[in-house]
Amino acid sequence: MGLALIVAAAGAVSAQEAGAVKSMAVPIPTELPPGELGKVVALGRDIVNNTSTHPLSRKYVGNSLNCTSCHLDGGTDPKALSFLGVASAYPTFAPREKQIVTLEDRTLNCFMRSMNGERPPNGSEVSVAIATYITWLSEGYPVKMSLKGPFGPNSQPSLKIDPATADAAHGKTLYAASCVSCHGSDGAGVGAFPPLWGAKSYNSGAGLAQNLKLASYLKNAMPLGNPNLSDKDALDIAAYVNTQTRPKFVLEEHLGKRK
């Protein structure tokens, strides 16, 4: 998927564009820092791209997803839950946890929910490497903490649509037309493409298990390489996907026990 964003011209923004991510014009870093810091950035990038198989992170993952399964291109695609500038928004208040969280906290909580696994310890090699990588991708962004939640400069806006209007039956038809080639009729994923439901996908506690959040993601990032869904079609597909079976989230079962 390309990294260029479609930015609305001055004036009125169409309904189709209303939910589009608006990105700051900060170059994506390409040169690693020297010495040990660069090694840790590279390690974090490797873990993000290979979370379920990397020797340091795989013991914490309970499905076949990697961070880059959702944060496309290792978090550098500004339309797909981008990591670009994310570190500039932390520490922040997290409505779900109802407390102030750090960047490490936020990434570790994803292991419990999106990865359906165990929370790695704060300060662990995995935790530090991922946070260092995301911080490297945030170079050039001004620090701007938010009391409303973990919203960085490239945050994905919520669609302005009533989630109660979702039509999962229509979503099933759309899924067959636009999603099956990559994710399979059974949602198990095809080749390198991730599963969207079932035992190897995200659990019911993940952010994408909420229809509106998944719909916002689909609107901005899917179909891969050519995102063209209307708000309503994105919501209907999200409703269909999220009516399928997936692991249940029980917090106590996902709190870190490993070292």
Protein backbone atom coordinates (compact mmCIF):
# COMPACT_ATOMS: atom_id res chain seq x y z
CA MET A 1 0.00 0.00 0.00
CA GLY A 2 1.36 3.45 -0.93
CA LEU A 3 2.10 6.08 1.67
CA ALA A 4 0.51 9.03 -0.09
CA LEU A 5 -2.59 10.48 1.52
CA ILE A 6 -5.56 11.95 -0.24
CA VAL A 7 -5.93 15.33 1.40
CA ALA A 8 -9.05 17.35 0.82
CA ALA A 9 -8.54 20.63 -0.99
CA ALA A 10 -9.48 23.83 0.76
CA GLY A 11 -13.19 24.18 1.17
CA ALA A 12 -15.93 21.61 1.78
CA VAL A 13 -14.95 18.00 2.38
CA SER A 14 -17.15 15.38 0.78
CA ALA A 15 -18.93 12.72 2.83
CA GLN A 16 -16.68 10.08 1.26
CA GLU A 17 -13.57 11.93 2.51
CA ALA A 18 -14.89 12.94 5.93
CA GLY A 19 -13.32 9.99 7.74
CA ALA A 20 -9.94 10.17 6.02
CA VAL A 21 -6.75 10.32 8.04
CA LYS A 22 -5.05 13.70 7.89
CA SER A 23 -1.27 13.40 8.20
CA MET A 24 1.37 15.91 9.22
CA ALA A 25 4.06 16.50 6.59
CA VAL A 26 6.95 14.96 8.53
CA PRO A 27 9.36 12.71 6.62
CA ILE A 28 9.46 9.06 7.63
CA PRO A 29 12.91 8.35 9.10
CA THR A 30 15.07 5.93 7.14
CA GLU A 31 18.51 6.17 8.75
CA LEU A 32 18.88 4.31 12.04
CA PRO A 33 20.55 6.06 14.96
CA PRO A 34 24.17 5.04 15.54
CA GLY A 35 25.34 2.46 18.04
CA GLU A 36 23.23 0.58 20.52
CA LEU A 37 20.18 2.80 20.01
CA GLY A 38 20.03 1.93 16.34
CA LYS A 39 20.31 -1.77 17.18
CA VAL A 40 17.30 -1.52 19.50
CA VAL A 41 15.29 0.41 16.90
CA ALA A 42 16.05 -2.32 14.36
CA LEU A 43 15.08 -4.99 16.90
CA GLY A 44 11.77 -3.24 17.55
CA ARG A 45 11.07 -3.05 13.84
CA ASP A 46 11.81 -6.75 13.47
CA ILE A 47 9.47 -7.60 16.36
CA VAL A 48 6.70 -5.41 14.94
CA ASN A 49 6.94 -7.16 11.58
CA ASN A 50 7.32 -10.70 12.95
CA THR A 51 5.64 -10.60 16.35
CA SER A 52 4.12 -14.09 16.30
CA THR A 53 7.36 -15.81 15.25
CA HIS A 54 10.16 -13.64 16.67
CA PRO A 55 12.08 -15.50 19.43
CA LEU A 56 11.63 -12.64 21.90
CA SER A 57 7.92 -11.97 21.37
CA ARG A 58 6.29 -15.21 20.21
CA LYS A 59 5.80 -16.54 23.76
CA TYR A 60 3.52 -13.57 24.47
CA VAL A 61 1.35 -14.02 21.33
CA GLY A 62 -1.74 -16.23 21.38
CA ASN A 63 -2.72 -16.05 17.71
CA SER A 64 -1.07 -15.72 14.29
CA LEU A 65 -1.14 -11.93 14.09
CA ASN A 66 1.83 -9.57 13.99
CA CYS A 67 1.77 -5.88 14.89
CA THR A 68 2.06 -5.10 11.19
CA SER A 69 -1.08 -7.14 10.45
CA CYS A 70 -3.03 -4.03 11.46
CA HIS A 71 -0.32 -1.34 11.63
CA LEU A 72 0.55 -1.79 7.97
CA ASP A 73 4.09 -1.48 6.62
CA GLY A 74 5.52 -1.76 10.10
CA GLY A 75 3.36 1.14 11.26
CA THR A 76 4.57 3.54 8.55
CA ASP A 77 1.39 3.61 6.46
CA PRO A 78 -0.35 6.79 7.67
CA LYS A 79 -3.77 5.39 6.72
CA ALA A 80 -3.57 2.16 8.71
CA LEU A 81 -3.24 2.73 12.46
CA SER A 82 0.06 4.48 11.87
CA PHE A 83 2.89 4.62 14.41
CA LEU A 84 4.11 7.86 12.86
CA GLY A 85 4.18 10.50 15.60
CA VAL A 86 2.46 8.23 18.12
CA ALA A 87 5.11 8.68 20.81
CA SER A 88 4.40 12.42 20.83
CA ALA A 89 0.97 11.77 22.41
CA TYR A 90 2.25 9.89 25.48
CA PRO A 91 1.87 9.72 28.43
CA THR A 92 -1.88 10.15 28.05
CA PHE A 93 -5.17 9.33 29.70
CA ALA A 94 -6.61 6.02 28.48
CA PRO A 95 -10.41 5.89 28.73
CA ARG A 96 -10.44 2.07 28.69
CA GLU A 97 -8.00 1.75 31.58
CA LYS A 98 -9.27 4.96 33.22
CA GLN A 99 -5.74 6.03 34.07
CA ILE A 100 -2.62 7.66 32.66
CA VAL A 101 -0.64 5.24 30.51
CA THR A 102 2.77 5.35 28.88
CA LEU A 103 3.65 4.30 25.34
CA GLU A 104 4.99 1.03 26.75
CA ASP A 105 1.71 0.39 28.59
CA ARG A 106 -0.27 0.93 25.42
CA THR A 107 1.80 -1.43 23.29
CA LEU A 108 1.88 -4.13 25.97
CA ASN A 109 -1.90 -4.04 26.37
CA CYS A 110 -2.20 -4.91 22.67
CA PHE A 111 -0.57 -8.25 23.39
CA MET A 112 -3.51 -9.11 25.66
CA ARG A 113 -6.20 -8.05 23.23
CA SER A 114 -5.22 -7.85 19.58
CA MET A 115 -2.64 -10.63 19.97
CA ASN A 116 -4.84 -12.68 22.33
CA GLY A 117 -1.77 -13.41 24.42
CA GLU A 118 0.00 -12.40 27.60
CA ARG A 119 1.16 -8.94 28.59
CA PRO A 120 4.97 -8.74 28.47
CA PRO A 121 6.60 -7.14 31.52
CA ASN A 122 7.23 -3.39 31.48
CA GLY A 123 10.91 -2.81 30.81
CA SER A 124 11.37 -6.18 29.12
CA GLU A 125 13.49 -6.41 25.97
CA VAL A 126 10.35 -6.74 23.85
CA SER A 127 8.66 -3.77 25.48
CA VAL A 128 11.66 -1.46 25.25
CA ALA A 129 12.40 -2.42 21.63
CA ILE A 130 8.86 -1.75 20.38
CA ALA A 131 8.63 1.56 22.26
CA THR A 132 12.03 2.61 20.92
CA TYR A 133 11.02 1.81 17.36
CA ILE A 134 7.78 3.78 17.65
CA THR A 135 9.66 6.69 19.23
CA TRP A 136 12.10 6.67 16.31
CA LEU A 137 9.12 6.90 13.94
CA SER A 138 7.95 9.93 15.93
CA GLU A 139 11.06 12.06 15.30
CA GLY A 140 10.10 15.53 14.13
CA TYR A 141 6.64 15.54 15.70
CA PRO A 142 5.97 18.02 18.51
CA VAL A 143 4.91 16.55 21.84
CA LYS A 144 1.19 17.14 22.31
CA MET A 145 -0.44 15.14 25.08
CA SER A 146 -4.21 14.75 24.98
CA LEU A 147 -6.66 14.44 27.85
CA LYS A 148 -9.16 12.77 25.50
CA GLY A 149 -7.10 9.65 24.85
CA PRO A 150 -4.11 8.27 22.94
CA PHE A 151 -4.60 10.29 19.78
CA GLY A 152 -1.40 11.06 17.91
CA PRO A 153 -1.07 13.41 14.92
CA ASN A 154 -2.02 10.66 12.46
CA SER A 155 -4.83 9.15 14.49
CA GLN A 156 -7.66 7.44 12.67
CA PRO A 157 -10.83 9.52 13.09
CA SER A 158 -14.07 7.80 13.99
CA LEU A 159 -16.67 7.66 11.23
CA LYS A 160 -19.68 9.92 11.64
CA ILE A 161 -22.21 7.13 11.32
CA ASP A 162 -24.63 5.50 13.72
CA PRO A 163 -23.31 2.00 14.54
CA ALA A 164 -26.92 0.88 15.07
CA THR A 165 -27.45 1.13 11.30
CA ALA A 166 -24.98 -1.71 10.62
CA ASP A 167 -26.30 -4.46 8.34
CA ALA A 168 -24.22 -7.62 8.80
CA ALA A 169 -26.12 -9.47 6.05
CA HIS A 170 -25.17 -6.78 3.54
CA GLY A 171 -21.66 -6.87 4.98
CA LYS A 172 -21.43 -10.58 4.17
CA THR A 173 -22.16 -9.83 0.51
CA LEU A 174 -19.56 -7.05 0.46
CA TYR A 175 -17.02 -9.27 2.19
CA ALA A 176 -17.46 -11.93 -0.49
CA ALA A 177 -16.85 -9.32 -3.18
CA SER A 178 -13.96 -7.37 -1.67
CA CYS A 179 -12.27 -9.35 1.11
CA VAL A 180 -12.36 -13.09 0.38
CA SER A 181 -9.32 -13.11 -1.93
CA CYS A 182 -7.04 -12.03 0.94
CA HIS A 183 -8.83 -13.22 4.07
CA GLY A 184 -10.70 -16.31 2.86
CA SER A 185 -14.35 -17.27 2.98
CA ASP A 186 -13.76 -18.69 6.45
CA GLY A 187 -11.94 -15.55 7.67
CA ALA A 188 -8.79 -17.58 8.37
CA GLY A 189 -6.55 -15.50 6.12
CA VAL A 190 -4.82 -16.45 2.88
CA GLY A 191 -1.04 -16.73 2.79
CA ALA A 192 0.53 -13.72 4.50
CA PHE A 193 -2.84 -11.99 4.95
CA PRO A 194 -4.19 -12.11 8.52
CA PRO A 195 -7.20 -13.99 9.89
CA LEU A 196 -10.18 -11.79 10.71
CA TRP A 197 -11.99 -14.22 12.98
CA GLY A 198 -11.54 -17.60 14.60
CA ALA A 199 -9.00 -18.84 17.13
CA LYS A 200 -6.03 -17.21 15.37
CA SER A 201 -7.49 -13.69 15.22
CA TYR A 202 -7.98 -10.84 17.71
CA ASN A 203 -10.16 -11.46 20.75
CA SER A 204 -13.35 -9.74 21.87
CA GLY A 205 -11.41 -7.21 23.95
CA ALA A 206 -9.50 -5.75 21.01
CA GLY A 207 -10.30 -2.31 19.70
CA LEU A 208 -11.19 -3.72 16.28
CA ALA A 209 -13.84 -5.93 17.92
CA GLN A 210 -15.89 -2.72 18.14
CA ASN A 211 -17.75 -2.20 14.89
CA LEU A 212 -17.18 1.53 14.61
CA LYS A 213 -13.43 1.23 15.17
CA LEU A 214 -13.10 -1.58 12.66
CA ALA A 215 -15.24 0.35 10.18
CA SER A 216 -12.99 3.42 10.50
CA TYR A 217 -9.96 1.23 9.82
CA LEU A 218 -11.59 -0.41 6.81
CA LYS A 219 -12.65 2.94 5.39
CA ASN A 220 -9.11 4.30 5.52
CA ALA A 221 -7.06 1.22 4.64
CA MET A 222 -9.12 -1.36 2.74
CA PRO A 223 -9.23 -2.93 0.24
CA LEU A 224 -5.44 -3.07 0.41
CA GLY A 225 -3.88 -0.67 -2.06
CA ASN A 226 -7.22 0.82 -3.11
CA PRO A 227 -9.32 1.92 -0.13
CA ASN A 228 -12.66 2.82 -1.67
CA LEU A 229 -15.42 1.84 0.77
CA SER A 230 -18.23 4.18 1.73
CA ASP A 231 -18.81 4.75 5.43
CA LYS A 232 -21.89 2.51 5.37
CA ASP A 233 -20.21 -0.32 3.46
CA ALA A 234 -17.25 -0.22 5.87
CA LEU A 235 -19.65 -0.41 8.82
CA ASP A 236 -21.59 -3.31 7.30
CA ILE A 237 -18.42 -5.32 6.63
CA ALA A 238 -17.22 -4.60 10.17
CA ALA A 239 -20.52 -5.84 11.57
CA TYR A 240 -20.30 -9.04 9.55
CA VAL A 241 -16.70 -9.71 10.60
CA ASN A 242 -17.42 -9.03 14.25
CA THR A 243 -20.45 -11.33 14.36
CA GLN A 244 -18.14 -14.27 13.65
CA THR A 245 -16.61 -16.37 16.40
CA ARG A 246 -13.43 -15.20 18.10
CA PRO A 247 -11.71 -15.75 21.46
CA LYS A 248 -13.37 -14.19 24.49
CA PHE A 249 -11.35 -11.64 26.43
CA VAL A 250 -10.98 -12.28 30.16
CA LEU A 251 -8.48 -9.82 31.63
CA GLU A 252 -7.20 -12.12 34.36
CA GLU A 253 -6.25 -14.75 31.78
CA HIS A 254 -4.04 -12.34 29.84
CA LEU A 255 -2.07 -10.55 32.54
CA GLY A 256 1.62 -11.35 32.15
CA LYS A 257 2.96 -14.41 33.94
CA ARG A 258 6.10 -14.91 31.86
CA LYS A 259 9.47 -13.25 32.32
